[in-house]
Amino acid sequence: MALFYTGLEGWFNWRRTGIPDIDPSVDNVNGDEIPVRFRYPESEQSLNPDNYQAALDRQGDDDINTEMWLLE
């Protein structure tokens, strides 16, 4: 609650700790999941394809539901 008006900080802390225990909204369009990461920008795929692919090989799909390596 203390981080409600501080941008994404509350989401980062929830993602890191899992506190508070929250559920996706009723009209969730993400398969009833709360996103746990940002996707890489499309420019990364076109301007830096080798390193983009290397990152995907190490950490999984470029998807908002793929758990980040530091949270595993």
PDB file of N, CA and C in Angstrom:
ATOM      1  N   MET A   1       0.822  -1.192   0.000  1.00  0.00           N
ATOM      2  CA  MET A   1       0.000   0.000   0.000  1.00  0.00           C
ATOM      3  C   MET A   1       0.866   1.255   0.000  1.00  0.00           C
ATOM      4  N   ALA A   2       1.990   1.205   0.695  1.00  0.00           N
ATOM      5  CA  ALA A   2       2.843   2.385   0.795  1.00  0.00           C
ATOM      6  C   ALA A   2       3.411   2.793  -0.563  1.00  0.00           C
ATOM      7  N   LEU A   3       3.491   1.870  -1.490  1.00  0.00           N
ATOM      8  CA  LEU A   3       4.089   2.163  -2.789  1.00  0.00           C
ATOM      9  C   LEU A   3       3.042   2.415  -3.869  1.00  0.00           C
ATOM     10  N   PHE A   4       1.788   2.662  -3.495  1.00  0.00           N
ATOM     11  CA  PHE A   4       0.703   2.788  -4.452  1.00  0.00           C
ATOM     12  C   PHE A   4       0.945   3.900  -5.470  1.00  0.00           C
ATOM     13  N   TYR A   5       1.441   5.039  -5.062  1.00  0.00           N
ATOM     14  CA  TYR A   5       1.634   6.178  -5.971  1.00  0.00           C
ATOM     15  C   TYR A   5       3.075   6.331  -6.447  1.00  0.00           C
ATOM     16  N   THR A   6       3.848   5.276  -6.451  1.00  0.00           N
ATOM     17  CA  THR A   6       5.251   5.387  -6.852  1.00  0.00           C
ATOM     18  C   THR A   6       5.553   4.604  -8.118  1.00  0.00           C
ATOM     19  N   GLY A   7       4.720   4.754  -9.116  1.00  0.00           N
ATOM     20  CA  GLY A   7       4.971   4.123 -10.406  1.00  0.00           C
ATOM     21  C   GLY A   7       4.943   2.610 -10.328  1.00  0.00           C
ATOM     22  N   LEU A   8       5.958   1.978 -10.878  1.00  0.00           N
ATOM     23  CA  LEU A   8       6.009   0.518 -10.947  1.00  0.00           C
ATOM     24  C   LEU A   8       6.666  -0.134  -9.734  1.00  0.00           C
ATOM     25  N   GLU A   9       7.099   0.641  -8.774  1.00  0.00           N
ATOM     26  CA  GLU A   9       7.825   0.096  -7.622  1.00  0.00           C
ATOM     27  C   GLU A   9       7.016  -0.957  -6.869  1.00  0.00           C
ATOM     28  N   GLY A  10       5.721  -0.748  -6.720  1.00  0.00           N
ATOM     29  CA  GLY A  10       4.873  -1.728  -6.043  1.00  0.00           C
ATOM     30  C   GLY A  10       4.827  -3.049  -6.796  1.00  0.00           C
ATOM     31  N   TRP A  11       4.742  -2.986  -8.127  1.00  0.00           N
ATOM     32  CA  TRP A  11       4.734  -4.204  -8.948  1.00  0.00           C
ATOM     33  C   TRP A  11       6.064  -4.933  -8.844  1.00  0.00           C
ATOM     34  N   PHE A  12       7.184  -4.159  -8.892  1.00  0.00           N
ATOM     35  CA  PHE A  12       8.501  -4.789  -8.766  1.00  0.00           C
ATOM     36  C   PHE A  12       8.629  -5.518  -7.440  1.00  0.00           C
ATOM     37  N   ASN A  13       8.176  -4.893  -6.359  1.00  0.00           N
ATOM     38  CA  ASN A  13       8.277  -5.536  -5.045  1.00  0.00           C
ATOM     39  C   ASN A  13       7.335  -6.722  -4.918  1.00  0.00           C
ATOM     40  N   TRP A  14       6.117  -6.640  -5.478  1.00  0.00           N
ATOM     41  CA  TRP A  14       5.219  -7.797  -5.452  1.00  0.00           C
ATOM     42  C   TRP A  14       5.839  -8.953  -6.223  1.00  0.00           C
ATOM     43  N   ARG A  15       6.396  -8.650  -7.394  1.00  0.00           N
ATOM     44  CA  ARG A  15       7.002  -9.679  -8.232  1.00  0.00           C
ATOM     45  C   ARG A  15       8.167 -10.353  -7.507  1.00  0.00           C
ATOM     46  N   ARG A  16       8.924  -9.585  -6.773  1.00  0.00           N
ATOM     47  CA  ARG A  16      10.097 -10.093  -6.060  1.00  0.00           C
ATOM     48  C   ARG A  16       9.707 -10.903  -4.829  1.00  0.00           C
ATOM     49  N   THR A  17       8.702 -10.453  -4.078  1.00  0.00           N
ATOM     50  CA  THR A  17       8.382 -11.077  -2.790  1.00  0.00           C
ATOM     51  C   THR A  17       7.109 -11.917  -2.805  1.00  0.00           C
ATOM     52  N   GLY A  18       6.173 -11.614  -3.729  1.00  0.00           N
ATOM     53  CA  GLY A  18       4.886 -12.309  -3.718  1.00  0.00           C
ATOM     54  C   GLY A  18       3.930 -11.785  -2.671  1.00  0.00           C
ATOM     55  N   ILE A  19       4.276 -10.681  -2.051  1.00  0.00           N
ATOM     56  CA  ILE A  19       3.439 -10.076  -1.005  1.00  0.00           C
ATOM     57  C   ILE A  19       2.947  -8.735  -1.521  1.00  0.00           C
ATOM     58  N   PRO A  20       1.673  -8.462  -1.470  1.00  0.00           N
ATOM     59  CA  PRO A  20       0.586  -9.264  -0.936  1.00  0.00           C
ATOM     60  C   PRO A  20       0.159 -10.340  -1.925  1.00  0.00           C
ATOM     61  N   ASP A  21      -0.570 -11.313  -1.440  1.00  0.00           N
ATOM     62  CA  ASP A  21      -1.092 -12.384  -2.280  1.00  0.00           C
ATOM     63  C   ASP A  21      -2.270 -11.818  -3.068  1.00  0.00           C
ATOM     64  N   ILE A  22      -2.072 -11.589  -4.373  1.00  0.00           N
ATOM     65  CA  ILE A  22      -3.122 -10.978  -5.191  1.00  0.00           C
ATOM     66  C   ILE A  22      -3.544 -11.928  -6.306  1.00  0.00           C
ATOM     67  N   ASP A  23      -4.736 -11.707  -6.807  1.00  0.00           N
ATOM     68  CA  ASP A  23      -5.281 -12.488  -7.916  1.00  0.00           C
ATOM     69  C   ASP A  23      -5.448 -11.584  -9.122  1.00  0.00           C
ATOM     70  N   PRO A  24      -5.409 -12.157 -10.332  1.00  0.00           N
ATOM     71  CA  PRO A  24      -5.664 -11.356 -11.531  1.00  0.00           C
ATOM     72  C   PRO A  24      -7.078 -10.793 -11.506  1.00  0.00           C
ATOM     73  N   SER A  25      -7.291  -9.717 -12.218  1.00  0.00           N
ATOM     74  CA  SER A  25      -8.613  -9.102 -12.254  1.00  0.00           C
ATOM     75  C   SER A  25      -9.623 -10.010 -12.954  1.00  0.00           C
ATOM     76  N   VAL A  26     -10.871  -9.693 -12.798  1.00  0.00           N
ATOM     77  CA  VAL A  26     -11.951 -10.496 -13.371  1.00  0.00           C
ATOM     78  C   VAL A  26     -11.880 -10.528 -14.893  1.00  0.00           C
ATOM     79  N   ASP A  27     -11.583  -9.404 -15.524  1.00  0.00           N
ATOM     80  CA  ASP A  27     -11.545  -9.315 -16.984  1.00  0.00           C
ATOM     81  C   ASP A  27     -10.136  -9.449 -17.544  1.00  0.00           C
ATOM     82  N   ASN A  28      -9.289 -10.209 -16.883  1.00  0.00           N
ATOM     83  CA  ASN A  28      -7.909 -10.385 -17.301  1.00  0.00           C
ATOM     84  C   ASN A  28      -7.859 -11.016 -18.691  1.00  0.00           C
ATOM     85  N   VAL A  29      -7.074 -10.428 -19.588  1.00  0.00           N
ATOM     86  CA  VAL A  29      -6.941 -10.948 -20.951  1.00  0.00           C
ATOM     87  C   VAL A  29      -5.582 -11.622 -21.156  1.00  0.00           C
ATOM     88  N   ASN A  30      -4.931 -11.986 -20.070  1.00  0.00           N
ATOM     89  CA  ASN A  30      -3.610 -12.613 -20.121  1.00  0.00           C
ATOM     90  C   ASN A  30      -3.665 -14.043 -19.580  1.00  0.00           C
ATOM     91  N   GLY A  31      -4.750 -14.737 -19.841  1.00  0.00           N
ATOM     92  CA  GLY A  31      -4.846 -16.118 -19.393  1.00  0.00           C
ATOM     93  C   GLY A  31      -4.884 -16.256 -17.884  1.00  0.00           C
ATOM     94  N   ASP A  32      -5.494 -15.291 -17.210  1.00  0.00           N
ATOM     95  CA  ASP A  32      -5.591 -15.279 -15.745  1.00  0.00           C
ATOM     96  C   ASP A  32      -4.224 -15.309 -15.065  1.00  0.00           C
ATOM     97  N   GLU A  33      -3.253 -14.645 -15.652  1.00  0.00           N
ATOM     98  CA  GLU A  33      -1.932 -14.503 -15.050  1.00  0.00           C
ATOM     99  C   GLU A  33      -1.594 -13.029 -14.918  1.00  0.00           C
ATOM    100  N   ILE A  34      -0.806 -12.713 -13.912  1.00  0.00           N
ATOM    101  CA  ILE A  34      -0.299 -11.356 -13.744  1.00  0.00           C
ATOM    102  C   ILE A  34       1.081 -11.316 -14.398  1.00  0.00           C
ATOM    103  N   PRO A  35       1.336 -10.393 -15.320  1.00  0.00           N
ATOM    104  CA  PRO A  35       2.641 -10.343 -15.988  1.00  0.00           C
ATOM    105  C   PRO A  35       3.777 -10.207 -14.977  1.00  0.00           C
ATOM    106  N   VAL A  36       4.897 -10.870 -15.275  1.00  0.00           N
ATOM    107  CA  VAL A  36       6.036 -10.832 -14.353  1.00  0.00           C
ATOM    108  C   VAL A  36       7.290 -10.228 -14.979  1.00  0.00           C
ATOM    109  N   ARG A  37       7.196  -9.738 -16.199  1.00  0.00           N
ATOM    110  CA  ARG A  37       8.358  -9.093 -16.809  1.00  0.00           C
ATOM    111  C   ARG A  37       7.937  -8.242 -17.992  1.00  0.00           C
ATOM    112  N   PHE A  38       8.834  -7.378 -18.411  1.00  0.00           N
ATOM    113  CA  PHE A  38       8.646  -6.607 -19.637  1.00  0.00           C
ATOM    114  C   PHE A  38       9.238  -7.392 -20.800  1.00  0.00           C
ATOM    115  N   ARG A  39       8.738  -7.147 -21.987  1.00  0.00           N
ATOM    116  CA  ARG A  39       9.321  -7.734 -23.190  1.00  0.00           C
ATOM    117  C   ARG A  39      10.444  -6.830 -23.689  1.00  0.00           C
ATOM    118  N   TYR A  40      11.360  -7.411 -24.458  1.00  0.00           N
ATOM    119  CA  TYR A  40      12.391  -6.604 -25.096  1.00  0.00           C
ATOM    120  C   TYR A  40      11.748  -5.738 -26.162  1.00  0.00           C
ATOM    121  N   PRO A  41      12.258  -4.538 -26.398  1.00  0.00           N
ATOM    122  CA  PRO A  41      11.719  -3.702 -27.471  1.00  0.00           C
ATOM    123  C   PRO A  41      11.943  -4.367 -28.834  1.00  0.00           C
ATOM    124  N   GLU A  42      11.051  -4.102 -29.775  1.00  0.00           N
ATOM    125  CA  GLU A  42      11.200  -4.676 -31.114  1.00  0.00           C
ATOM    126  C   GLU A  42      12.493  -4.235 -31.785  1.00  0.00           C
ATOM    127  N   SER A  43      12.981  -3.054 -31.434  1.00  0.00           N
ATOM    128  CA  SER A  43      14.234  -2.586 -32.024  1.00  0.00           C
ATOM    129  C   SER A  43      15.400  -3.499 -31.632  1.00  0.00           C
ATOM    130  N   GLU A  44      15.308  -4.140 -30.482  1.00  0.00           N
ATOM    131  CA  GLU A  44      16.370  -5.050 -30.047  1.00  0.00           C
ATOM    132  C   GLU A  44      16.472  -6.247 -30.992  1.00  0.00           C
ATOM    133  N   GLN A  45      15.339  -6.722 -31.461  1.00  0.00           N
ATOM    134  CA  GLN A  45      15.335  -7.860 -32.377  1.00  0.00           C
ATOM    135  C   GLN A  45      15.983  -7.512 -33.717  1.00  0.00           C
ATOM    136  N   SER A  46      15.762  -6.298 -34.196  1.00  0.00           N
ATOM    137  CA  SER A  46      16.296  -5.928 -35.505  1.00  0.00           C
ATOM    138  C   SER A  46      17.706  -5.334 -35.435  1.00  0.00           C
ATOM    139  N   LEU A  47      18.040  -4.618 -34.380  1.00  0.00           N
ATOM    140  CA  LEU A  47      19.341  -3.958 -34.294  1.00  0.00           C
ATOM    141  C   LEU A  47      20.420  -4.802 -33.622  1.00  0.00           C
ATOM    142  N   ASN A  48      20.003  -5.790 -32.827  1.00  0.00           N
ATOM    143  CA  ASN A  48      20.961  -6.590 -32.068  1.00  0.00           C
ATOM    144  C   ASN A  48      20.510  -8.054 -32.031  1.00  0.00           C
ATOM    145  N   PRO A  49      20.283  -8.668 -33.187  1.00  0.00           N
ATOM    146  CA  PRO A  49      19.663  -9.998 -33.206  1.00  0.00           C
ATOM    147  C   PRO A  49      20.494 -11.098 -32.552  1.00  0.00           C
ATOM    148  N   ASP A  50      21.814 -11.036 -32.662  1.00  0.00           N
ATOM    149  CA  ASP A  50      22.643 -12.099 -32.080  1.00  0.00           C
ATOM    150  C   ASP A  50      22.538 -12.112 -30.556  1.00  0.00           C
ATOM    151  N   ASN A  51      22.689 -10.945 -29.940  1.00  0.00           N
ATOM    152  CA  ASN A  51      22.605 -10.883 -28.480  1.00  0.00           C
ATOM    153  C   ASN A  51      21.175 -11.070 -27.982  1.00  0.00           C
ATOM    154  N   TYR A  52      20.208 -10.633 -28.759  1.00  0.00           N
ATOM    155  CA  TYR A  52      18.800 -10.870 -28.415  1.00  0.00           C
ATOM    156  C   TYR A  52      18.534 -12.372 -28.345  1.00  0.00           C
ATOM    157  N   GLN A  53      18.978 -13.111 -29.354  1.00  0.00           N
ATOM    158  CA  GLN A  53      18.765 -14.560 -29.366  1.00  0.00           C
ATOM    159  C   GLN A  53      19.542 -15.240 -28.246  1.00  0.00           C
ATOM    160  N   ALA A  54      20.757 -14.784 -27.969  1.00  0.00           N
ATOM    161  CA  ALA A  54      21.539 -15.355 -26.871  1.00  0.00           C
ATOM    162  C   ALA A  54      20.830 -15.157 -25.535  1.00  0.00           C
ATOM    163  N   ALA A  55      20.219 -13.991 -25.352  1.00  0.00           N
ATOM    164  CA  ALA A  55      19.473 -13.735 -24.120  1.00  0.00           C
ATOM    165  C   ALA A  55      18.274 -14.661 -24.010  1.00  0.00           C
ATOM    166  N   LEU A  56      17.558 -14.864 -25.108  1.00  0.00           N
ATOM    167  CA  LEU A  56      16.406 -15.771 -25.083  1.00  0.00           C
ATOM    168  C   LEU A  56      16.832 -17.209 -24.802  1.00  0.00           C
ATOM    169  N   ASP A  57      17.968 -17.612 -25.338  1.00  0.00           N
ATOM    170  CA  ASP A  57      18.469 -18.964 -25.076  1.00  0.00           C
ATOM    171  C   ASP A  57      18.765 -19.166 -23.590  1.00  0.00           C
ATOM    172  N   ARG A  58      19.254 -18.118 -22.934  1.00  0.00           N
ATOM    173  CA  ARG A  58      19.591 -18.219 -21.511  1.00  0.00           C
ATOM    174  C   ARG A  58      18.389 -18.088 -20.592  1.00  0.00           C
ATOM    175  N   GLN A  59      17.465 -17.199 -20.924  1.00  0.00           N
ATOM    176  CA  GLN A  59      16.411 -16.881 -19.962  1.00  0.00           C
ATOM    177  C   GLN A  59      14.996 -17.264 -20.389  1.00  0.00           C
ATOM    178  N   GLY A  60      14.814 -17.820 -21.555  1.00  0.00           N
ATOM    179  CA  GLY A  60      13.489 -18.266 -21.973  1.00  0.00           C
ATOM    180  C   GLY A  60      12.828 -17.294 -22.926  1.00  0.00           C
ATOM    181  N   ASP A  61      11.603 -17.617 -23.291  1.00  0.00           N
ATOM    182  CA  ASP A  61      10.857 -16.833 -24.270  1.00  0.00           C
ATOM    183  C   ASP A  61      10.732 -15.368 -23.877  1.00  0.00           C
ATOM    184  N   ASP A  62      10.631 -14.514 -24.891  1.00  0.00           N
ATOM    185  CA  ASP A  62      10.414 -13.084 -24.692  1.00  0.00           C
ATOM    186  C   ASP A  62       8.909 -12.861 -24.536  1.00  0.00           C
ATOM    187  N   ASP A  63       8.408 -13.200 -23.380  1.00  0.00           N
ATOM    188  CA  ASP A  63       6.976 -13.196 -23.099  1.00  0.00           C
ATOM    189  C   ASP A  63       6.758 -12.581 -21.717  1.00  0.00           C
ATOM    190  N   ILE A  64       5.652 -11.884 -21.538  1.00  0.00           N
ATOM    191  CA  ILE A  64       5.407 -11.213 -20.255  1.00  0.00           C
ATOM    192  C   ILE A  64       5.141 -12.184 -19.114  1.00  0.00           C
ATOM    193  N   ASN A  65       4.948 -13.472 -19.413  1.00  0.00           N
ATOM    194  CA  ASN A  65       4.692 -14.457 -18.372  1.00  0.00           C
ATOM    195  C   ASN A  65       5.893 -15.348 -18.068  1.00  0.00           C
ATOM    196  N   THR A  66       7.010 -15.153 -18.776  1.00  0.00           N
ATOM    197  CA  THR A  66       8.213 -15.932 -18.520  1.00  0.00           C
ATOM    198  C   THR A  66       8.910 -15.362 -17.292  1.00  0.00           C
ATOM    199  N   GLU A  67       9.126 -16.208 -16.297  1.00  0.00           N
ATOM    200  CA  GLU A  67       9.757 -15.732 -15.068  1.00  0.00           C
ATOM    201  C   GLU A  67      11.184 -15.284 -15.350  1.00  0.00           C
ATOM    202  N   MET A  68      11.570 -14.167 -14.786  1.00  0.00           N
ATOM    203  CA  MET A  68      12.898 -13.629 -14.979  1.00  0.00           C
ATOM    204  C   MET A  68      13.925 -14.510 -14.285  1.00  0.00           C
ATOM    205  N   TRP A  69      15.131 -14.562 -14.818  1.00  0.00           N
ATOM    206  CA  TRP A  69      16.188 -15.401 -14.271  1.00  0.00           C
ATOM    207  C   TRP A  69      16.482 -15.077 -12.818  1.00  0.00           C
ATOM    208  N   LEU A  70      16.385 -13.828 -12.427  1.00  0.00           N
ATOM    209  CA  LEU A  70      16.723 -13.481 -11.049  1.00  0.00           C
ATOM    210  C   LEU A  70      15.631 -13.829 -10.057  1.00  0.00           C
ATOM    211  N   LEU A  71      14.451 -14.211 -10.538  1.00  0.00           N
ATOM    212  CA  LEU A  71      13.355 -14.590  -9.660  1.00  0.00           C
ATOM    213  C   LEU A  71      13.203 -16.102  -9.553  1.00  0.00           C
ATOM    214  N   GLU A  72      13.993 -16.849 -10.309  1.00  0.00           N
ATOM    215  CA  GLU A  72      13.863 -18.309 -10.297  1.00  0.00           C
ATOM    216  C   GLU A  72      14.387 -18.899  -9.025  1.00  0.00           C
TER     217      GLU A  72
END
